[in-house]
Amino acid sequence: MGPIAYVIAILGCADGSAQCTPVATMPTRYESRATCNAATADALAQSTDFDFPTIVAQCRKAAAVPAAQRLERAVPHGVDHANG
């Protein structure tokens, strides 16, 4: 099992923050919960286009990705994956 990575989940909450719904996951992966927590303020600042009274940023463990898939996902968007 590889190292644990964290991502920031953006949650939209109704008044009182009792009921929150995941609305986005930031693309950046963090190597520790501490570095993830440190980035939540910036993530919130970028997440102003959701129609909820309260927006919350929360660090969560990233889904484990096998090494072969991890390399494939590192290819920038817009690159043609067709062979030939």
PDB file of N, CA and C in Angstrom:
ATOM      1  N   MET A   1       0.850  -1.183   0.000  1.00  0.00           N
ATOM      2  CA  MET A   1       0.000   0.000   0.000  1.00  0.00           C
ATOM      3  C   MET A   1       0.888   1.236   0.000  1.00  0.00           C
ATOM      4  N   GLY A   2       0.560   2.183  -0.864  1.00  0.00           N
ATOM      5  CA  GLY A   2       1.373   3.380  -0.995  1.00  0.00           C
ATOM      6  C   GLY A   2       1.069   4.389   0.084  1.00  0.00           C
ATOM      7  N   PRO A   3       1.740   5.529   0.012  1.00  0.00           N
ATOM      8  CA  PRO A   3       1.489   6.585   0.998  1.00  0.00           C
ATOM      9  C   PRO A   3       0.075   7.136   0.860  1.00  0.00           C
ATOM     10  N   ILE A   4      -0.437   7.636   1.953  1.00  0.00           N
ATOM     11  CA  ILE A   4      -1.776   8.211   1.956  1.00  0.00           C
ATOM     12  C   ILE A   4      -1.693   9.636   1.424  1.00  0.00           C
ATOM     13  N   ALA A   5      -2.596   9.966   0.531  1.00  0.00           N
ATOM     14  CA  ALA A   5      -2.692  11.332   0.016  1.00  0.00           C
ATOM     15  C   ALA A   5      -4.038  11.895   0.435  1.00  0.00           C
ATOM     16  N   TYR A   6      -4.119  13.211   0.491  1.00  0.00           N
ATOM     17  CA  TYR A   6      -5.354  13.889   0.882  1.00  0.00           C
ATOM     18  C   TYR A   6      -5.790  14.844  -0.212  1.00  0.00           C
ATOM     19  N   VAL A   7      -7.090  15.033  -0.326  1.00  0.00           N
ATOM     20  CA  VAL A   7      -7.668  16.016  -1.242  1.00  0.00           C
ATOM     21  C   VAL A   7      -8.622  16.885  -0.440  1.00  0.00           C
ATOM     22  N   ILE A   8      -8.915  18.072  -0.977  1.00  0.00           N
ATOM     23  CA  ILE A   8      -9.856  18.967  -0.319  1.00  0.00           C
ATOM     24  C   ILE A   8     -11.218  18.801  -0.979  1.00  0.00           C
ATOM     25  N   ALA A   9     -12.195  18.414  -0.181  1.00  0.00           N
ATOM     26  CA  ALA A   9     -13.575  18.326  -0.650  1.00  0.00           C
ATOM     27  C   ALA A   9     -14.270  19.629  -0.281  1.00  0.00           C
ATOM     28  N   ILE A  10     -15.019  20.172  -1.229  1.00  0.00           N
ATOM     29  CA  ILE A  10     -15.797  21.383  -0.981  1.00  0.00           C
ATOM     30  C   ILE A  10     -17.242  20.957  -0.728  1.00  0.00           C
ATOM     31  N   LEU A  11     -17.794  21.389   0.398  1.00  0.00           N
ATOM     32  CA  LEU A  11     -19.144  21.016   0.790  1.00  0.00           C
ATOM     33  C   LEU A  11     -20.026  22.258   0.824  1.00  0.00           C
ATOM     34  N   GLY A  12     -21.212  22.128   0.274  1.00  0.00           N
ATOM     35  CA  GLY A  12     -22.206  23.193   0.357  1.00  0.00           C
ATOM     36  C   GLY A  12     -23.160  22.854   1.485  1.00  0.00           C
ATOM     37  N   CYS A  13     -23.362  23.797   2.401  1.00  0.00           N
ATOM     38  CA  CYS A  13     -24.172  23.531   3.588  1.00  0.00           C
ATOM     39  C   CYS A  13     -25.378  24.459   3.652  1.00  0.00           C
ATOM     40  N   ALA A  14     -26.485  23.907   4.128  1.00  0.00           N
ATOM     41  CA  ALA A  14     -27.681  24.703   4.367  1.00  0.00           C
ATOM     42  C   ALA A  14     -27.450  25.563   5.603  1.00  0.00           C
ATOM     43  N   ASP A  15     -28.379  26.446   5.917  1.00  0.00           N
ATOM     44  CA  ASP A  15     -28.232  27.296   7.096  1.00  0.00           C
ATOM     45  C   ASP A  15     -27.975  26.449   8.330  1.00  0.00           C
ATOM     46  N   GLY A  16     -26.994  26.838   9.123  1.00  0.00           N
ATOM     47  CA  GLY A  16     -26.662  26.121  10.345  1.00  0.00           C
ATOM     48  C   GLY A  16     -25.611  25.042  10.134  1.00  0.00           C
ATOM     49  N   SER A  17     -25.236  24.771   8.876  1.00  0.00           N
ATOM     50  CA  SER A  17     -24.207  23.790   8.541  1.00  0.00           C
ATOM     51  C   SER A  17     -24.523  22.382   9.025  1.00  0.00           C
ATOM     52  N   ALA A  18     -25.795  22.087   9.316  1.00  0.00           N
ATOM     53  CA  ALA A  18     -26.155  20.751   9.772  1.00  0.00           C
ATOM     54  C   ALA A  18     -26.197  19.760   8.608  1.00  0.00           C
ATOM     55  N   GLN A  19     -26.645  20.226   7.453  1.00  0.00           N
ATOM     56  CA  GLN A  19     -26.769  19.353   6.290  1.00  0.00           C
ATOM     57  C   GLN A  19     -25.836  19.845   5.197  1.00  0.00           C
ATOM     58  N   CYS A  20     -24.751  19.105   4.939  1.00  0.00           N
ATOM     59  CA  CYS A  20     -23.784  19.506   3.926  1.00  0.00           C
ATOM     60  C   CYS A  20     -23.750  18.484   2.795  1.00  0.00           C
ATOM     61  N   THR A  21     -23.585  18.986   1.577  1.00  0.00           N
ATOM     62  CA  THR A  21     -23.543  18.150   0.383  1.00  0.00           C
ATOM     63  C   THR A  21     -22.218  18.381  -0.337  1.00  0.00           C
ATOM     64  N   PRO A  22     -21.485  17.318  -0.681  1.00  0.00           N
ATOM     65  CA  PRO A  22     -20.254  17.506  -1.460  1.00  0.00           C
ATOM     66  C   PRO A  22     -20.587  18.118  -2.813  1.00  0.00           C
ATOM     67  N   VAL A  23     -19.909  19.203  -3.171  1.00  0.00           N
ATOM     68  CA  VAL A  23     -20.172  19.873  -4.444  1.00  0.00           C
ATOM     69  C   VAL A  23     -18.955  19.878  -5.375  1.00  0.00           C
ATOM     70  N   ALA A  24     -17.764  19.645  -4.823  1.00  0.00           N
ATOM     71  CA  ALA A  24     -16.559  19.629  -5.656  1.00  0.00           C
ATOM     72  C   ALA A  24     -15.419  18.985  -4.881  1.00  0.00           C
ATOM     73  N   THR A  25     -14.442  18.504  -5.625  1.00  0.00           N
ATOM     74  CA  THR A  25     -13.194  18.020  -5.032  1.00  0.00           C
ATOM     75  C   THR A  25     -12.064  18.725  -5.762  1.00  0.00           C
ATOM     76  N   MET A  26     -11.192  19.357  -5.007  1.00  0.00           N
ATOM     77  CA  MET A  26     -10.078  20.077  -5.611  1.00  0.00           C
ATOM     78  C   MET A  26      -9.103  19.064  -6.223  1.00  0.00           C
ATOM     79  N   PRO A  27      -8.469  19.401  -7.355  1.00  0.00           N
ATOM     80  CA  PRO A  27      -7.614  18.436  -8.046  1.00  0.00           C
ATOM     81  C   PRO A  27      -6.266  18.178  -7.380  1.00  0.00           C
ATOM     82  N   THR A  28      -5.813  19.084  -6.537  1.00  0.00           N
ATOM     83  CA  THR A  28      -4.493  18.939  -5.915  1.00  0.00           C
ATOM     84  C   THR A  28      -4.502  17.849  -4.863  1.00  0.00           C
ATOM     85  N   ARG A  29      -3.455  17.024  -4.852  1.00  0.00           N
ATOM     86  CA  ARG A  29      -3.298  15.990  -3.835  1.00  0.00           C
ATOM     87  C   ARG A  29      -2.202  16.439  -2.869  1.00  0.00           C
ATOM     88  N   TYR A  30      -2.415  16.201  -1.587  1.00  0.00           N
ATOM     89  CA  TYR A  30      -1.467  16.606  -0.544  1.00  0.00           C
ATOM     90  C   TYR A  30      -0.906  15.371   0.132  1.00  0.00           C
ATOM     91  N   GLU A  31       0.374  15.435   0.502  1.00  0.00           N
ATOM     92  CA  GLU A  31       1.049  14.283   1.095  1.00  0.00           C
ATOM     93  C   GLU A  31       0.722  14.088   2.572  1.00  0.00           C
ATOM     94  N   SER A  32       0.199  15.121   3.229  1.00  0.00           N
ATOM     95  CA  SER A  32      -0.141  14.982   4.645  1.00  0.00           C
ATOM     96  C   SER A  32      -1.406  15.775   4.948  1.00  0.00           C
ATOM     97  N   ARG A  33      -2.054  15.405   6.033  1.00  0.00           N
ATOM     98  CA  ARG A  33      -3.261  16.120   6.443  1.00  0.00           C
ATOM     99  C   ARG A  33      -2.911  17.569   6.804  1.00  0.00           C
ATOM    100  N   ALA A  34      -1.726  17.790   7.365  1.00  0.00           N
ATOM    101  CA  ALA A  34      -1.328  19.139   7.768  1.00  0.00           C
ATOM    102  C   ALA A  34      -1.209  20.069   6.555  1.00  0.00           C
ATOM    103  N   THR A  35      -0.579  19.603   5.467  1.00  0.00           N
ATOM    104  CA  THR A  35      -0.451  20.455   4.283  1.00  0.00           C
ATOM    105  C   THR A  35      -1.815  20.649   3.623  1.00  0.00           C
ATOM    106  N   CYS A  36      -2.662  19.645   3.692  1.00  0.00           N
ATOM    107  CA  CYS A  36      -4.012  19.773   3.157  1.00  0.00           C
ATOM    108  C   CYS A  36      -4.794  20.822   3.950  1.00  0.00           C
ATOM    109  N   ASN A  37      -4.764  20.715   5.271  1.00  0.00           N
ATOM    110  CA  ASN A  37      -5.473  21.678   6.124  1.00  0.00           C
ATOM    111  C   ASN A  37      -4.989  23.099   5.871  1.00  0.00           C
ATOM    112  N   ALA A  38      -3.687  23.260   5.631  1.00  0.00           N
ATOM    113  CA  ALA A  38      -3.123  24.587   5.397  1.00  0.00           C
ATOM    114  C   ALA A  38      -3.646  25.196   4.097  1.00  0.00           C
ATOM    115  N   ALA A  39      -4.088  24.356   3.156  1.00  0.00           N
ATOM    116  CA  ALA A  39      -4.546  24.844   1.856  1.00  0.00           C
ATOM    117  C   ALA A  39      -6.059  25.064   1.794  1.00  0.00           C
ATOM    118  N   THR A  40      -6.783  24.743   2.859  1.00  0.00           N
ATOM    119  CA  THR A  40      -8.244  24.835   2.792  1.00  0.00           C
ATOM    120  C   THR A  40      -8.740  26.273   2.629  1.00  0.00           C
ATOM    121  N   ALA A  41      -8.059  27.246   3.214  1.00  0.00           N
ATOM    122  CA  ALA A  41      -8.502  28.635   3.083  1.00  0.00           C
ATOM    123  C   ALA A  41      -8.444  29.085   1.624  1.00  0.00           C
ATOM    124  N   ASP A  42      -7.364  28.725   0.924  1.00  0.00           N
ATOM    125  CA  ASP A  42      -7.251  29.079  -0.491  1.00  0.00           C
ATOM    126  C   ASP A  42      -8.316  28.363  -1.311  1.00  0.00           C
ATOM    127  N   ALA A  43      -8.589  27.104  -0.976  1.00  0.00           N
ATOM    128  CA  ALA A  43      -9.611  26.349  -1.698  1.00  0.00           C
ATOM    129  C   ALA A  43     -10.979  27.002  -1.521  1.00  0.00           C
ATOM    130  N   LEU A  44     -11.275  27.465  -0.315  1.00  0.00           N
ATOM    131  CA  LEU A  44     -12.547  28.151  -0.072  1.00  0.00           C
ATOM    132  C   LEU A  44     -12.626  29.444  -0.865  1.00  0.00           C
ATOM    133  N   ALA A  45     -11.517  30.162  -0.935  1.00  0.00           N
ATOM    134  CA  ALA A  45     -11.493  31.432  -1.665  1.00  0.00           C
ATOM    135  C   ALA A  45     -11.780  31.223  -3.155  1.00  0.00           C
ATOM    136  N   GLN A  46     -11.413  30.058  -3.679  1.00  0.00           N
ATOM    137  CA  GLN A  46     -11.642  29.749  -5.092  1.00  0.00           C
ATOM    138  C   GLN A  46     -13.034  29.169  -5.337  1.00  0.00           C
ATOM    139  N   SER A  47     -13.760  28.842  -4.289  1.00  0.00           N
ATOM    140  CA  SER A  47     -15.039  28.138  -4.422  1.00  0.00           C
ATOM    141  C   SER A  47     -16.208  29.039  -4.050  1.00  0.00           C
ATOM    142  N   THR A  48     -16.380  30.091  -4.836  1.00  0.00           N
ATOM    143  CA  THR A  48     -17.418  31.066  -4.513  1.00  0.00           C
ATOM    144  C   THR A  48     -18.632  30.961  -5.420  1.00  0.00           C
ATOM    145  N   ASP A  49     -18.626  30.011  -6.356  1.00  0.00           N
ATOM    146  CA  ASP A  49     -19.705  29.953  -7.345  1.00  0.00           C
ATOM    147  C   ASP A  49     -20.759  28.887  -7.039  1.00  0.00           C
ATOM    148  N   PHE A  50     -20.874  28.475  -5.786  1.00  0.00           N
ATOM    149  CA  PHE A  50     -21.873  27.485  -5.401  1.00  0.00           C
ATOM    150  C   PHE A  50     -23.030  28.178  -4.685  1.00  0.00           C
ATOM    151  N   ASP A  51     -24.239  27.718  -4.943  1.00  0.00           N
ATOM    152  CA  ASP A  51     -25.430  28.365  -4.413  1.00  0.00           C
ATOM    153  C   ASP A  51     -25.835  27.758  -3.068  1.00  0.00           C
ATOM    154  N   PHE A  52     -24.999  27.974  -2.053  1.00  0.00           N
ATOM    155  CA  PHE A  52     -25.267  27.522  -0.691  1.00  0.00           C
ATOM    156  C   PHE A  52     -24.956  28.675   0.255  1.00  0.00           C
ATOM    157  N   PRO A  53     -25.683  28.766   1.369  1.00  0.00           N
ATOM    158  CA  PRO A  53     -25.397  29.833   2.335  1.00  0.00           C
ATOM    159  C   PRO A  53     -24.008  29.686   2.968  1.00  0.00           C
ATOM    160  N   THR A  54     -23.539  28.445   3.106  1.00  0.00           N
ATOM    161  CA  THR A  54     -22.234  28.192   3.724  1.00  0.00           C
ATOM    162  C   THR A  54     -21.455  27.194   2.872  1.00  0.00           C
ATOM    163  N   ILE A  55     -20.187  27.497   2.633  1.00  0.00           N
ATOM    164  CA  ILE A  55     -19.291  26.586   1.914  1.00  0.00           C
ATOM    165  C   ILE A  55     -18.188  26.178   2.883  1.00  0.00           C
ATOM    166  N   VAL A  56     -17.902  24.873   2.933  1.00  0.00           N
ATOM    167  CA  VAL A  56     -16.904  24.331   3.852  1.00  0.00           C
ATOM    168  C   VAL A  56     -15.863  23.554   3.045  1.00  0.00           C
ATOM    169  N   ALA A  57     -14.599  23.681   3.420  1.00  0.00           N
ATOM    170  CA  ALA A  57     -13.533  22.880   2.815  1.00  0.00           C
ATOM    171  C   ALA A  57     -13.088  21.854   3.849  1.00  0.00           C
ATOM    172  N   GLN A  58     -12.983  20.610   3.420  1.00  0.00           N
ATOM    173  CA  GLN A  58     -12.653  19.526   4.351  1.00  0.00           C
ATOM    174  C   GLN A  58     -11.635  18.601   3.701  1.00  0.00           C
ATOM    175  N   CYS A  59     -10.567  18.269   4.438  1.00  0.00           N
ATOM    176  CA  CYS A  59      -9.573  17.332   3.914  1.00  0.00           C
ATOM    177  C   CYS A  59     -10.086  15.912   4.083  1.00  0.00           C
ATOM    178  N   ARG A  60      -9.909  15.134   3.030  1.00  0.00           N
ATOM    179  CA  ARG A  60     -10.317  13.730   3.048  1.00  0.00           C
ATOM    180  C   ARG A  60      -9.210  12.900   2.429  1.00  0.00           C
ATOM    181  N   LYS A  61      -9.136  11.648   2.840  1.00  0.00           N
ATOM    182  CA  LYS A  61      -8.161  10.751   2.226  1.00  0.00           C
ATOM    183  C   LYS A  61      -8.538  10.561   0.761  1.00  0.00           C
ATOM    184  N   ALA A  62      -7.533  10.661  -0.099  1.00  0.00           N
ATOM    185  CA  ALA A  62      -7.765  10.458  -1.527  1.00  0.00           C
ATOM    186  C   ALA A  62      -7.953   8.971  -1.779  1.00  0.00           C
ATOM    187  N   ALA A  63      -8.738   8.654  -2.788  1.00  0.00           N
ATOM    188  CA  ALA A  63      -8.923   7.255  -3.163  1.00  0.00           C
ATOM    189  C   ALA A  63      -7.581   6.688  -3.625  1.00  0.00           C
ATOM    190  N   ALA A  64      -7.319   5.478  -3.231  1.00  0.00           N
ATOM    191  CA  ALA A  64      -6.075   4.834  -3.639  1.00  0.00           C
ATOM    192  C   ALA A  64      -6.103   4.587  -5.138  1.00  0.00           C
ATOM    193  N   VAL A  65      -5.016   4.923  -5.804  1.00  0.00           N
ATOM    194  CA  VAL A  65      -4.916   4.735  -7.249  1.00  0.00           C
ATOM    195  C   VAL A  65      -3.699   3.868  -7.521  1.00  0.00           C
ATOM    196  N   PRO A  66      -3.876   2.719  -8.178  1.00  0.00           N
ATOM    197  CA  PRO A  66      -2.715   1.881  -8.510  1.00  0.00           C
ATOM    198  C   PRO A  66      -1.686   2.660  -9.311  1.00  0.00           C
ATOM    199  N   ALA A  67      -0.417   2.317  -9.164  1.00  0.00           N
ATOM    200  CA  ALA A  67       0.671   3.063  -9.799  1.00  0.00           C
ATOM    201  C   ALA A  67       0.482   3.185 -11.310  1.00  0.00           C
ATOM    202  N   ALA A  68       0.027   2.130 -11.977  1.00  0.00           N
ATOM    203  CA  ALA A  68      -0.145   2.180 -13.429  1.00  0.00           C
ATOM    204  C   ALA A  68      -1.177   3.238 -13.816  1.00  0.00           C
ATOM    205  N   GLN A  69      -2.274   3.321 -13.078  1.00  0.00           N
ATOM    206  CA  GLN A  69      -3.290   4.323 -13.376  1.00  0.00           C
ATOM    207  C   GLN A  69      -2.814   5.718 -12.995  1.00  0.00           C
ATOM    208  N   ARG A  70      -2.024   5.827 -11.937  1.00  0.00           N
ATOM    209  CA  ARG A  70      -1.541   7.117 -11.492  1.00  0.00           C
ATOM    210  C   ARG A  70      -0.716   7.776 -12.602  1.00  0.00           C
ATOM    211  N   LEU A  71       0.114   6.984 -13.284  1.00  0.00           N
ATOM    212  CA  LEU A  71       0.916   7.534 -14.371  1.00  0.00           C
ATOM    213  C   LEU A  71       0.025   7.988 -15.521  1.00  0.00           C
ATOM    214  N   GLU A  72      -0.998   7.216 -15.821  1.00  0.00           N
ATOM    215  CA  GLU A  72      -1.905   7.578 -16.910  1.00  0.00           C
ATOM    216  C   GLU A  72      -2.636   8.879 -16.600  1.00  0.00           C
ATOM    217  N   ARG A  73      -3.033   9.063 -15.352  1.00  0.00           N
ATOM    218  CA  ARG A  73      -3.771  10.262 -14.967  1.00  0.00           C
ATOM    219  C   ARG A  73      -2.889  11.507 -14.964  1.00  0.00           C
ATOM    220  N   ALA A  74      -1.583  11.324 -14.970  1.00  0.00           N
ATOM    221  CA  ALA A  74      -0.675  12.466 -14.942  1.00  0.00           C
ATOM    222  C   ALA A  74      -0.592  13.155 -16.300  1.00  0.00           C
ATOM    223  N   VAL A  75      -1.141  12.538 -17.353  1.00  0.00           N
ATOM    224  CA  VAL A  75      -1.121  13.131 -18.683  1.00  0.00           C
ATOM    225  C   VAL A  75      -2.019  14.368 -18.687  1.00  0.00           C
ATOM    226  N   PRO A  76      -1.528  15.501 -19.169  1.00  0.00           N
ATOM    227  CA  PRO A  76      -2.338  16.728 -19.176  1.00  0.00           C
ATOM    228  C   PRO A  76      -3.614  16.555 -19.988  1.00  0.00           C
ATOM    229  N   HIS A  77      -4.645  17.265 -19.600  1.00  0.00           N
ATOM    230  CA  HIS A  77      -5.906  17.243 -20.338  1.00  0.00           C
ATOM    231  C   HIS A  77      -5.681  17.803 -21.733  1.00  0.00           C
ATOM    232  N   GLY A  78      -6.409  17.270 -22.707  1.00  0.00           N
ATOM    233  CA  GLY A  78      -6.303  17.764 -24.059  1.00  0.00           C
ATOM    234  C   GLY A  78      -5.311  16.992 -24.898  1.00  0.00           C
ATOM    235  N   VAL A  79      -4.599  16.038 -24.292  1.00  0.00           N
ATOM    236  CA  VAL A  79      -3.647  15.237 -25.048  1.00  0.00           C
ATOM    237  C   VAL A  79      -4.413  14.089 -25.704  1.00  0.00           C
ATOM    238  N   ASP A  80      -4.152  13.851 -26.965  1.00  0.00           N
ATOM    239  CA  ASP A  80      -4.831  12.785 -27.695  1.00  0.00           C
ATOM    240  C   ASP A  80      -4.245  11.442 -27.280  1.00  0.00           C
ATOM    241  N   HIS A  81      -5.097  10.562 -26.765  1.00  0.00           N
ATOM    242  CA  HIS A  81      -4.636   9.265 -26.277  1.00  0.00           C
ATOM    243  C   HIS A  81      -4.681   8.195 -27.366  1.00  0.00           C
ATOM    244  N   ALA A  82      -5.111   8.518 -28.573  1.00  0.00           N
ATOM    245  CA  ALA A  82      -5.204   7.531 -29.648  1.00  0.00           C
ATOM    246  C   ALA A  82      -3.821   7.078 -30.073  1.00  0.00           C
ATOM    247  N   ASN A  83      -3.713   5.796 -30.408  1.00  0.00           N
ATOM    248  CA  ASN A  83      -2.422   5.256 -30.865  1.00  0.00           C
ATOM    249  C   ASN A  83      -2.317   5.448 -32.362  1.00  0.00           C
ATOM    250  N   GLY A  84      -1.602   6.470 -32.781  1.00  0.00           N
ATOM    251  CA  GLY A  84      -1.354   6.662 -34.197  1.00  0.00           C
ATOM    252  C   GLY A  84      -2.272   7.616 -34.754  1.00  0.00           C
TER     253      GLY A  84
END
